[in-house]
C-alpha atoms as a PDB file:
ATOM      1  CA  MET A   1      88.555  58.441  88.877  1.00  0.00           C
ATOM      2  CA  ARG A   2      89.127  59.862  92.462  1.00  0.00           C
ATOM      3  CA  THR A   3      91.472  57.044  93.320  1.00  0.00           C
ATOM      4  CA  GLN A   4      93.396  57.569  90.025  1.00  0.00           C
ATOM      5  CA  LEU A   5      93.653  61.442  90.843  1.00  0.00           C
ATOM      6  CA  PHE A   6      94.823  60.823  94.481  1.00  0.00           C
ATOM      7  CA  SER A   7      97.427  58.195  93.231  1.00  0.00           C
ATOM      8  CA  LEU A   8      98.729  60.681  90.330  1.00  0.00           C
ATOM      9  CA  ILE A   9      98.932  63.602  92.876  1.00  0.00           C
ATOM     10  CA  LYS A  10     101.017  61.265  95.310  1.00  0.00           C
ATOM     11  CA  ARG A  11     103.361  60.065  92.755  1.00  0.00           C
ATOM     12  CA  ASN A  12     103.942  63.950  91.368  1.00  0.00           C
ATOM     13  CA  CYS A  13     104.819  65.364  94.690  1.00  0.00           C
ATOM     14  CA  THR A  14     106.890  62.158  95.380  1.00  0.00           C
ATOM     15  CA  VAL A  15     108.780  62.699  92.054  1.00  0.00           C
ATOM     16  CA  PHE A  16     109.251  66.468  92.871  1.00  0.00           C
ATOM     17  CA  PHE A  17     110.574  65.851  96.500  1.00  0.00           C
ATOM     18  CA  LYS A  18     112.891  62.982  95.540  1.00  0.00           C
ATOM     19  CA  ASP A  19     114.749  65.119  92.995  1.00  0.00           C
ATOM     20  CA  LYS A  20     117.095  66.843  95.447  1.00  0.00           C
ATOM     21  CA  GLY A  21     118.504  68.900  92.817  1.00  0.00           C
ATOM     22  CA  VAL A  22     115.130  70.612  92.288  1.00  0.00           C
ATOM     23  CA  PHE A  23     113.640  70.523  95.786  1.00  0.00           C
ATOM     24  CA  PHE A  24     116.373  71.914  97.886  1.00  0.00           C
ATOM     25  CA  PRO A  25     116.789  74.865  95.603  1.00  0.00           C
ATOM     26  CA  SER A  26     113.170  75.510  95.701  1.00  0.00           C
ATOM     27  CA  LEU A  27     113.006  75.278  99.461  1.00  0.00           C
ATOM     28  CA  LEU A  28     116.062  77.444  99.891  1.00  0.00           C
ATOM     29  CA  SER A  29     115.492  80.116  97.330  1.00  0.00           C
ATOM     30  CA  PRO A  30     112.950  81.927  99.330  1.00  0.00           C
ATOM     31  CA  LEU A  31     114.945  82.174 102.437  1.00  0.00           C
ATOM     32  CA  ILE A  32     117.923  83.044 100.445  1.00  0.00           C
ATOM     33  CA  LEU A  33     115.725  85.750  98.806  1.00  0.00           C
ATOM     34  CA  LEU A  34     114.463  86.949 102.179  1.00  0.00           C
ATOM     35  CA  PHE A  35     118.032  87.387 103.339  1.00  0.00           C
ATOM     36  CA  LEU A  36     118.964  89.363 100.198  1.00  0.00           C
ATOM     37  CA  PHE A  37     115.985  91.606 100.642  1.00  0.00           C
ATOM     38  CA  ILE A  38     117.317  92.370 104.136  1.00  0.00           C
ATOM     39  CA  ALA A  39     120.827  92.609 103.542  1.00  0.00           C
ATOM     40  CA  PHE A  40     120.371  94.718 100.413  1.00  0.00           C
ATOM     41  CA  LEU A  41     117.129  96.515 100.376  1.00  0.00           C
ATOM     42  CA  GLY A  42     116.309  96.969 103.836  1.00  0.00           C
ATOM     43  CA  ASN A  43     118.236 100.317 104.223  1.00  0.00           C
ATOM     44  CA  VAL A  44     116.546 101.616 101.202  1.00  0.00           C
ATOM     45  CA  TYR A  45     113.153 100.964 102.615  1.00  0.00           C
ATOM     46  CA  ARG A  46     113.849 102.363 106.020  1.00  0.00           C
ATOM     47  CA  ASP A  47     115.385 105.511 104.285  1.00  0.00           C
ATOM     48  CA  SER A  48     112.082 105.870 102.326  1.00  0.00           C
ATOM     49  CA  ILE A  49     110.107 105.713 105.480  1.00  0.00           C
ATOM     50  CA  ARG A  50     111.833 108.519 107.213  1.00  0.00           C
ATOM     51  CA  SER A  51     111.708 110.564 104.336  1.00  0.00           C
ATOM     52  CA  ILE A  52     107.957 110.153 104.152  1.00  0.00           C
ATOM     53  CA  VAL A  53     107.731 111.389 107.489  1.00  0.00           C
ATOM     54  CA  GLU A  54     110.535 113.821 107.404  1.00  0.00           C
ATOM     55  CA  GLY A  55     110.010 116.515 110.188  1.00  0.00           C
ATOM     56  CA  PHE A  56     108.215 113.954 112.670  1.00  0.00           C
ATOM     57  CA  GLU A  57     110.005 111.782 115.068  1.00  0.00           C
ATOM     58  CA  ILE A  58     109.263 107.883 114.457  1.00  0.00           C
ATOM     59  CA  SER A  59     110.788 105.178 116.724  1.00  0.00           C
ATOM     60  CA  SER A  60     113.233 102.918 114.949  1.00  0.00           C
ATOM     61  CA  SER A  61     111.280 100.014 116.085  1.00  0.00           C
ATOM     62  CA  LEU A  62     108.170 101.010 114.160  1.00  0.00           C
ATOM     63  CA  VAL A  63     110.423 101.812 111.197  1.00  0.00           C
ATOM     64  CA  GLU A  64     111.938  98.283 111.514  1.00  0.00           C
ATOM     65  CA  SER A  65     108.330  96.994 111.613  1.00  0.00           C
ATOM     66  CA  ILE A  66     107.040  98.722 108.585  1.00  0.00           C
ATOM     67  CA  ALA A  67     110.298  97.802 106.599  1.00  0.00           C
ATOM     68  CA  SER A  68     110.122  94.040 107.564  1.00  0.00           C
ATOM     69  CA  GLY A  69     106.294  93.832 106.471  1.00  0.00           C
ATOM     70  CA  TRP A  70     107.305  95.329 103.141  1.00  0.00           C
ATOM     71  CA  LEU A  71     110.159  92.855 102.580  1.00  0.00           C
ATOM     72  CA  VAL A  72     108.220  90.022 103.700  1.00  0.00           C
ATOM     73  CA  SER A  73     105.248  90.632 101.600  1.00  0.00           C
ATOM     74  CA  SER A  74     107.440  91.353  98.714  1.00  0.00           C
ATOM     75  CA  LEU A  75     108.924  88.087  99.108  1.00  0.00           C
ATOM     76  CA  LEU A  76     105.665  85.975  99.282  1.00  0.00           C
ATOM     77  CA  SER A  77     104.191  87.727  96.295  1.00  0.00           C
ATOM     78  CA  VAL A  78     107.256  86.725  94.097  1.00  0.00           C
ATOM     79  CA  CYS A  79     107.556  83.116  95.439  1.00  0.00           C
ATOM     80  CA  ALA A  80     104.024  81.922  94.934  1.00  0.00           C
ATOM     81  CA  VAL A  81     104.793  82.446  91.063  1.00  0.00           C
ATOM     82  CA  THR A  82     108.427  81.508  90.768  1.00  0.00           C
ATOM     83  CA  VAL A  83     108.384  78.467  93.014  1.00  0.00           C
ATOM     84  CA  ALA A  84     105.310  77.280  90.971  1.00  0.00           C
ATOM     85  CA  PHE A  85     107.316  77.304  87.929  1.00  0.00           C
ATOM     86  CA  THR A  86     109.859  75.236  89.548  1.00  0.00           C
ATOM     87  CA  ALA A  87     107.274  73.081  90.809  1.00  0.00           C
ATOM     88  CA  ASN A  88     105.844  72.253  87.482  1.00  0.00           C
ATOM     89  CA  THR A  89     108.989  70.923  86.151  1.00  0.00           C
ATOM     90  CA  VAL A  90     107.497  67.310  86.912  1.00  0.00           C
ATOM     91  CA  MET A  91     104.939  67.939  84.121  1.00  0.00           C
ATOM     92  CA  VAL A  92     107.728  68.750  81.502  1.00  0.00           C
ATOM     93  CA  GLN A  93     109.912  65.865  82.649  1.00  0.00           C
ATOM     94  CA  ASP A  94     106.897  63.295  82.151  1.00  0.00           C
ATOM     95  CA  ARG A  95     106.661  64.890  78.798  1.00  0.00           C
ATOM     96  CA  VAL A  96     110.409  64.620  77.921  1.00  0.00           C
ATOM     97  CA  SER A  97     110.752  60.903  79.384  1.00  0.00           C
ATOM     98  CA  GLY A  98     107.286  59.557  77.634  1.00  0.00           C
ATOM     99  CA  ALA A  99     106.025  58.844  81.050  1.00  0.00           C
ATOM    100  CA  ARG A 100     102.880  61.060  80.253  1.00  0.00           C
ATOM    101  CA  ASN A 101     102.223  58.892  77.262  1.00  0.00           C
ATOM    102  CA  ASP A 102     102.420  55.502  78.986  1.00  0.00           C
ATOM    103  CA  PHE A 103      99.904  57.399  81.555  1.00  0.00           C
ATOM    104  CA  LEU A 104      97.583  58.037  78.715  1.00  0.00           C
ATOM    105  CA  VAL A 105      97.716  54.389  77.199  1.00  0.00           C
ATOM    106  CA  SER A 106      96.419  53.297  80.493  1.00  0.00           C
ATOM    107  CA  PRO A 107      92.958  53.967  81.828  1.00  0.00           C
ATOM    108  CA  VAL A 108      93.688  57.362  82.940  1.00  0.00           C
ATOM    109  CA  SER A 109      91.911  60.202  81.205  1.00  0.00           C
ATOM    110  CA  GLU A 110      93.607  63.483  79.969  1.00  0.00           C
ATOM    111  CA  ARG A 111      91.415  65.394  82.398  1.00  0.00           C
ATOM    112  CA  VAL A 112      92.515  63.549  85.456  1.00  0.00           C
ATOM    113  CA  LEU A 113      96.161  63.649  84.508  1.00  0.00           C
ATOM    114  CA  ALA A 114      95.906  67.433  83.780  1.00  0.00           C
ATOM    115  CA  LEU A 115      94.272  68.017  87.079  1.00  0.00           C
ATOM    116  CA  SER A 116      96.750  65.898  88.746  1.00  0.00           C
ATOM    117  CA  TYR A 117      99.818  67.877  87.607  1.00  0.00           C
ATOM    118  CA  PHE A 118      97.878  71.156  88.760  1.00  0.00           C
ATOM    119  CA  LEU A 119      97.052  70.106  92.187  1.00  0.00           C
ATOM    120  CA  ALA A 120     100.584  68.448  92.886  1.00  0.00           C
ATOM    121  CA  THR A 121     101.938  71.826  91.802  1.00  0.00           C
ATOM    122  CA  TYR A 122      99.689  73.697  93.951  1.00  0.00           C
ATOM    123  CA  LEU A 123     100.507  71.688  96.777  1.00  0.00           C
ATOM    124  CA  VAL A 124     104.136  71.834  96.550  1.00  0.00           C
ATOM    125  CA  THR A 125     104.410  75.440  95.860  1.00  0.00           C
ATOM    126  CA  ALA A 126     102.346  75.687  99.277  1.00  0.00           C
ATOM    127  CA  ALA A 127     104.602  73.864 100.963  1.00  0.00           C
ATOM    128  CA  MET A 128     107.438  75.935  99.917  1.00  0.00           C
ATOM    129  CA  CYS A 129     105.651  79.203 100.337  1.00  0.00           C
ATOM    130  CA  PHE A 130     104.381  78.550 103.809  1.00  0.00           C
ATOM    131  CA  VAL A 131     108.112  77.775 104.924  1.00  0.00           C
ATOM    132  CA  ALA A 132     109.060  81.167 103.703  1.00  0.00           C
ATOM    133  CA  LEU A 133     105.846  82.672 105.582  1.00  0.00           C
ATOM    134  CA  GLY A 134     106.814  81.073 108.715  1.00  0.00           C
ATOM    135  CA  ALA A 135     110.508  82.567 108.478  1.00  0.00           C
ATOM    136  CA  GLY A 136     108.865  86.060 107.396  1.00  0.00           C
ATOM    137  CA  PHE A 137     106.625  85.868 110.660  1.00  0.00           C
ATOM    138  CA  ILE A 138     109.670  85.324 112.524  1.00  0.00           C
ATOM    139  CA  TYR A 139     111.557  88.173 111.001  1.00  0.00           C
ATOM    140  CA  ILE A 140     108.370  90.560 111.643  1.00  0.00           C
ATOM    141  CA  ALA A 141     108.261  89.306 115.259  1.00  0.00           C
ATOM    142  CA  ALA A 142     112.117  90.052 115.736  1.00  0.00           C
ATOM    143  CA  ALA A 143     111.552  93.494 113.844  1.00  0.00           C
ATOM    144  CA  GLY A 144     108.264  94.594 115.917  1.00  0.00           C
ATOM    145  CA  TRP A 145     105.098  92.669 115.707  1.00  0.00           C
ATOM    146  CA  HIS A 146     102.069  94.961 114.871  1.00  0.00           C
ATOM    147  CA  LEU A 147      99.980  92.155 113.204  1.00  0.00           C
ATOM    148  CA  SER A 148      96.450  91.177 114.245  1.00  0.00           C
ATOM    149  CA  ALA A 149      94.921  87.738 114.303  1.00  0.00           C
ATOM    150  CA  LEU A 150      92.701  89.097 111.133  1.00  0.00           C
ATOM    151  CA  ASP A 151      95.897  90.173 109.521  1.00  0.00           C
ATOM    152  CA  VAL A 152      97.685  86.871 109.688  1.00  0.00           C
ATOM    153  CA  LEU A 153      94.434  84.954 108.535  1.00  0.00           C
ATOM    154  CA  CYS A 154      94.119  87.408 105.595  1.00  0.00           C
ATOM    155  CA  THR A 155      97.789  87.074 104.716  1.00  0.00           C
ATOM    156  CA  VAL A 156      97.325  83.170 104.817  1.00  0.00           C
ATOM    157  CA  GLY A 157      94.308  83.936 102.267  1.00  0.00           C
ATOM    158  CA  ASP A 158      96.510  86.179 100.100  1.00  0.00           C
ATOM    159  CA  LEU A 159      99.117  83.580  99.902  1.00  0.00           C
ATOM    160  CA  LEU A 160      96.667  80.701  98.863  1.00  0.00           C
ATOM    161  CA  LEU A 161      95.233  82.908  96.084  1.00  0.00           C
ATOM    162  CA  LEU A 162      98.543  83.961  94.833  1.00  0.00           C
ATOM    163  CA  ILE A 163      99.678  80.254  94.803  1.00  0.00           C
ATOM    164  CA  LEU A 164      96.339  79.603  92.734  1.00  0.00           C
ATOM    165  CA  PHE A 165      97.206  82.206  90.451  1.00  0.00           C
ATOM    166  CA  GLY A 166     101.045  81.337  90.106  1.00  0.00           C
ATOM    167  CA  THR A 167     100.101  77.577  89.783  1.00  0.00           C
ATOM    168  CA  SER A 168      97.671  78.165  86.985  1.00  0.00           C
ATOM    169  CA  LEU A 169     100.023  80.443  85.255  1.00  0.00           C
ATOM    170  CA  SER A 170     102.895  78.169  85.312  1.00  0.00           C
ATOM    171  CA  THR A 171     100.575  75.125  84.225  1.00  0.00           C
ATOM    172  CA  LEU A 172      99.312  76.972  81.181  1.00  0.00           C
ATOM    173  CA  VAL A 173     102.990  77.956  80.161  1.00  0.00           C
ATOM    174  CA  CYS A 174     104.671  74.798  80.813  1.00  0.00           C
ATOM    175  CA  THR A 175     102.034  72.942  78.809  1.00  0.00           C
ATOM    176  CA  PHE A 176     103.649  74.252  75.640  1.00  0.00           C
ATOM    177  CA  LEU A 177     107.228  73.394  76.846  1.00  0.00           C
ATOM    178  CA  LYS A 178     108.886  70.180  75.207  1.00  0.00           C
ATOM    179  CA  SER A 179     112.421  70.233  76.915  1.00  0.00           C
ATOM    180  CA  GLN A 180     114.328  70.698  80.282  1.00  0.00           C
ATOM    181  CA  GLY A 181     115.959  73.516  78.491  1.00  0.00           C
ATOM    182  CA  SER A 182     112.959  75.471  77.706  1.00  0.00           C
ATOM    183  CA  VAL A 183     111.689  75.105  81.346  1.00  0.00           C
ATOM    184  CA  THR A 184     115.125  76.463  82.645  1.00  0.00           C
ATOM    185  CA  ALA A 185     115.091  79.429  80.239  1.00  0.00           C
ATOM    186  CA  VAL A 186     111.241  80.254  81.372  1.00  0.00           C
ATOM    187  CA  GLN A 187     112.169  80.036  84.928  1.00  0.00           C
ATOM    188  CA  ALA A 188     114.902  82.272  84.705  1.00  0.00           C
ATOM    189  CA  THR A 189     112.944  84.744  82.703  1.00  0.00           C
ATOM    190  CA  VAL A 190     110.129  84.780  85.421  1.00  0.00           C
ATOM    191  CA  SER A 191     112.385  85.060  88.316  1.00  0.00           C
ATOM    192  CA  ALA A 192     114.083  88.029  86.836  1.00  0.00           C
ATOM    193  CA  ALA A 193     111.214  89.905  85.504  1.00  0.00           C
ATOM    194  CA  TYR A 194     108.246  89.079  87.775  1.00  0.00           C
ATOM    195  CA  GLY A 195     109.210  90.930  90.726  1.00  0.00           C
ATOM    196  CA  PHE A 196     109.412  94.213  88.976  1.00  0.00           C
ATOM    197  CA  LEU A 197     106.250  93.623  87.145  1.00  0.00           C
ATOM    198  CA  CYS A 198     103.922  92.829  89.995  1.00  0.00           C
ATOM    199  CA  GLY A 199     105.485  95.951  92.042  1.00  0.00           C
ATOM    200  CA  ALA A 200     107.323  93.783  94.659  1.00  0.00           C
ATOM    201  CA  TYR A 201     110.888  95.089  94.368  1.00  0.00           C
ATOM    202  CA  MET A 202     109.664  98.640  93.633  1.00  0.00           C
ATOM    203  CA  PRO A 203     106.654 100.382  94.780  1.00  0.00           C
ATOM    204  CA  LEU A 204     104.294 101.498  91.709  1.00  0.00           C
ATOM    205  CA  SER A 205     104.199 104.850  93.262  1.00  0.00           C
ATOM    206  CA  ASN A 206     107.956 105.354  92.121  1.00  0.00           C
ATOM    207  CA  LEU A 207     106.931 104.497  88.571  1.00  0.00           C
ATOM    208  CA  THR A 208     105.723 106.815  85.750  1.00  0.00           C
ATOM    209  CA  SER A 209     101.822 107.070  85.742  1.00  0.00           C
ATOM    210  CA  TRP A 210     101.341 105.238  82.382  1.00  0.00           C
ATOM    211  CA  LEU A 211     103.720 102.458  83.521  1.00  0.00           C
ATOM    212  CA  LYS A 212     101.898 102.251  86.933  1.00  0.00           C
ATOM    213  CA  ASN A 213      98.358 102.048  85.218  1.00  0.00           C
ATOM    214  CA  ALA A 214      99.896  99.573  82.770  1.00  0.00           C
ATOM    215  CA  LEU A 215     100.875  97.073  85.399  1.00  0.00           C
ATOM    216  CA  MET A 216      97.629  97.273  87.054  1.00  0.00           C
ATOM    217  CA  PHE A 217      96.270  95.182  84.236  1.00  0.00           C
ATOM    218  CA  LEU A 218      98.134  92.256  85.522  1.00  0.00           C
ATOM    219  CA  PRO A 219      96.579  90.252  88.406  1.00  0.00           C
ATOM    220  CA  GLY A 220     100.015  89.786  90.224  1.00  0.00           C
ATOM    221  CA  THR A 221      99.921  93.331  91.097  1.00  0.00           C
ATOM    222  CA  TYR A 222      96.557  93.019  92.840  1.00  0.00           C
ATOM    223  CA  GLY A 223      97.978  89.887  94.851  1.00  0.00           C
ATOM    224  CA  THR A 224     101.202  91.867  95.996  1.00  0.00           C
ATOM    225  CA  GLY A 225      99.048  94.975  97.068  1.00  0.00           C
ATOM    226  CA  LEU A 226      97.095  92.817  99.439  1.00  0.00           C
ATOM    227  CA  THR A 227     100.241  91.342 100.912  1.00  0.00           C
ATOM    228  CA  HIS A 228     101.533  94.842 101.262  1.00  0.00           C
ATOM    229  CA  LEU A 229      98.467  95.935 102.970  1.00  0.00           C
ATOM    230  CA  HIS A 230      97.897  93.058 105.515  1.00  0.00           C
ATOM    231  CA  LEU A 231     101.301  92.824 106.699  1.00  0.00           C
ATOM    232  CA  MET A 232     102.374  96.424 106.655  1.00  0.00           C
ATOM    233  CA  GLY A 233      98.735  97.918 107.634  1.00  0.00           C
ATOM    234  CA  GLY A 234      99.065  97.249 111.381  1.00  0.00           C
ATOM    235  CA  ALA A 235     102.391  98.885 111.766  1.00  0.00           C
ATOM    236  CA  ILE A 236     101.669 101.858 109.423  1.00  0.00           C
ATOM    237  CA  GLY A 237      98.606 102.575 111.361  1.00  0.00           C
ATOM    238  CA  ALA A 238     100.484 102.493 114.742  1.00  0.00           C
ATOM    239  CA  MET A 239     102.088 105.536 113.405  1.00  0.00           C
ATOM    240  CA  ALA A 240      99.226 107.591 114.805  1.00  0.00           C
ATOM    241  CA  ASP A 241     100.356 106.685 118.266  1.00  0.00           C
ATOM    242  CA  GLU A 242     103.356 108.578 117.826  1.00  0.00           C
ATOM    243  CA  GLY A 243     101.792 111.644 116.695  1.00  0.00           C
ATOM    244  CA  ILE A 244     102.246 111.343 112.834  1.00  0.00           C
ATOM    245  CA  PRO A 245      99.362 113.160 111.143  1.00  0.00           C
ATOM    246  CA  ALA A 246      96.740 111.118 109.283  1.00  0.00           C
ATOM    247  CA  GLN A 247      97.526 112.784 105.966  1.00  0.00           C
ATOM    248  CA  MET A 248     100.947 111.280 106.336  1.00  0.00           C
ATOM    249  CA  ILE A 249     100.011 108.044 107.189  1.00  0.00           C
ATOM    250  CA  ASP A 250      97.860 107.783 104.158  1.00  0.00           C
ATOM    251  CA  GLY A 251     100.680 109.035 102.003  1.00  0.00           C
ATOM    252  CA  MET A 252     102.802 106.178 103.586  1.00  0.00           C
ATOM    253  CA  LYS A 253      99.983 103.591 102.580  1.00  0.00           C
ATOM    254  CA  GLU A 254      99.969 104.838  99.128  1.00  0.00           C
ATOM    255  CA  GLY A 255     103.586 105.170  98.743  1.00  0.00           C
ATOM    256  CA  PHE A 256     104.106 101.499  99.754  1.00  0.00           C
ATOM    257  CA  ASP A 257     101.316 100.112  97.727  1.00  0.00           C
ATOM    258  CA  CYS A 258      99.080  99.216 100.615  1.00  0.00           C
ATOM    259  CA  THR A 259      96.416 101.566  98.599  1.00  0.00           C
ATOM    260  CA  LEU A 260      96.226 100.771  94.901  1.00  0.00           C
ATOM    261  CA  THR A 261      95.082 103.207  92.378  1.00  0.00           C
ATOM    262  CA  PHE A 262      93.820 102.691  88.968  1.00  0.00           C
ATOM    263  CA  PHE A 263      93.623 105.580  86.667  1.00  0.00           C
ATOM    264  CA  GLY A 264      93.414 107.777  89.668  1.00  0.00           C
ATOM    265  CA  SER A 265      90.605 105.603  91.397  1.00  0.00           C
ATOM    266  CA  ASP A 266      91.263 103.961  94.673  1.00  0.00           C
ATOM    267  CA  VAL A 267      90.917  99.958  93.996  1.00  0.00           C
ATOM    268  CA  LYS A 268      88.625  98.295  96.829  1.00  0.00           C
ATOM    269  CA  VAL A 269      89.994  95.463  98.856  1.00  0.00           C
ATOM    270  CA  TRP A 270      87.296  93.095  97.396  1.00  0.00           C
ATOM    271  CA  VAL A 271      88.298  94.151  93.847  1.00  0.00           C
ATOM    272  CA  CYS A 272      91.744  92.987  94.634  1.00  0.00           C
ATOM    273  CA  TYR A 273      90.678  89.739  95.563  1.00  0.00           C
ATOM    274  CA  LEU A 274      88.088  89.206  93.009  1.00  0.00           C
ATOM    275  CA  VAL A 275      90.577  90.017  89.891  1.00  0.00           C
ATOM    276  CA  LEU A 276      93.220  87.559  91.593  1.00  0.00           C
ATOM    277  CA  ALA A 277      90.818  84.746  92.087  1.00  0.00           C
ATOM    278  CA  ALA A 278      89.196  85.433  88.900  1.00  0.00           C
ATOM    279  CA  ALA A 279      92.649  85.409  87.204  1.00  0.00           C
ATOM    280  CA  GLY A 280      93.574  81.942  88.589  1.00  0.00           C
ATOM    281  CA  VAL A 281      90.418  80.290  87.961  1.00  0.00           C
ATOM    282  CA  LEU A 282      90.355  81.574  84.433  1.00  0.00           C
ATOM    283  CA  LEU A 283      93.814  80.435  83.573  1.00  0.00           C
ATOM    284  CA  LEU A 284      93.123  76.877  85.126  1.00  0.00           C
ATOM    285  CA  GLY A 285      90.069  76.883  82.714  1.00  0.00           C
ATOM    286  CA  VAL A 286      92.170  77.653  79.937  1.00  0.00           C
ATOM    287  CA  CYS A 287      94.473  74.811  80.797  1.00  0.00           C
ATOM    288  CA  LEU A 288      91.946  72.264  81.091  1.00  0.00           C
ATOM    289  CA  ALA A 289      90.280  73.403  77.783  1.00  0.00           C
ATOM    290  CA  ILE A 290      93.586  72.935  75.917  1.00  0.00           C
ATOM    291  CA  HIS A 291      94.090  69.351  77.484  1.00  0.00           C
ATOM    292  CA  LEU A 292      90.575  68.521  76.900  1.00  0.00           C
ATOM    293  CA  ARG A 293      90.676  69.699  73.044  1.00  0.00           C
ATOM    294  CA  PRO A 294      90.008  67.185  70.430  1.00  0.00           C
ATOM    295  CA  LYS A 295      93.322  65.692  69.304  1.00  0.00           C
ATOM    296  CA  ARG A 296      94.091  65.994  65.351  1.00  0.00           C
ATOM    297  CA  GLY A 297      93.038  62.856  63.787  1.00  0.00           C
ATOM    298  CA  ALA A 298      90.819  61.661  66.855  1.00  0.00           C
ATOM    299  CA  SER A 299      87.766  61.416  64.805  1.00  0.00           C
ATOM    300  CA  GLU A 300      89.321  59.763  61.922  1.00  0.00           C
ATOM    301  CA  THR A 301      88.873  56.042  62.511  1.00  0.00           C
END
């Protein structure tokens, strides 16, 4: 079983990377998205930062550092999910071409095949996202580095959990897709909507209270909050060295979703990790249960 699993994972990853029409857009899309964030949204967030501390002097370098942390954390939280949907096209392509049926008539179990698709998608998504993370760290360093070693490690952990959630979600959705056109439609929908639903494009504090509380039921919101906290927290904390009052610093953290609230109560960091990890594992469990369910007519011989 282990040999079959490793062979199938290798095969699925190879199929993805050999398809240049899918691989290169998946690799470049996070970098393009980062550029677009910087070019079109950078000034918006810089102005928001200055408006929060209006009446107090704050250095331009610190403003740049806070804004860069927001932009990179937003990028990572979106790409962990959207890239996973692109990486999962191998599973749908195998269903369309009939390759999946060929595997199942060989000594390969449904469980091993399903797990190989999931793990291959996770590895491919991780590869793409860590390229984006490296580019993001370069941008943050150029803007002004305020990250500790713990912040970096926590960011890596946040990203791994977000990829788990994104891979599980995309695997579940793609299980029901049976054509390349349907995959393209779903990818377009997720790419357009997910950033708004998880609070990556616009801070939740800017939304109405009912919509903010509604989005807090979505696991991706907690992952986005974690990346905001670990990539922005150090720079926001450095505001104290420039004489910014603690009350304004707390307002900055809340305004940029470093501190999440659920119906008026602060959400602990460990709760964010628990929700995100539980969502990923639960979705994976549902996927496996679907693939292992008895087939119609299987008991009829």
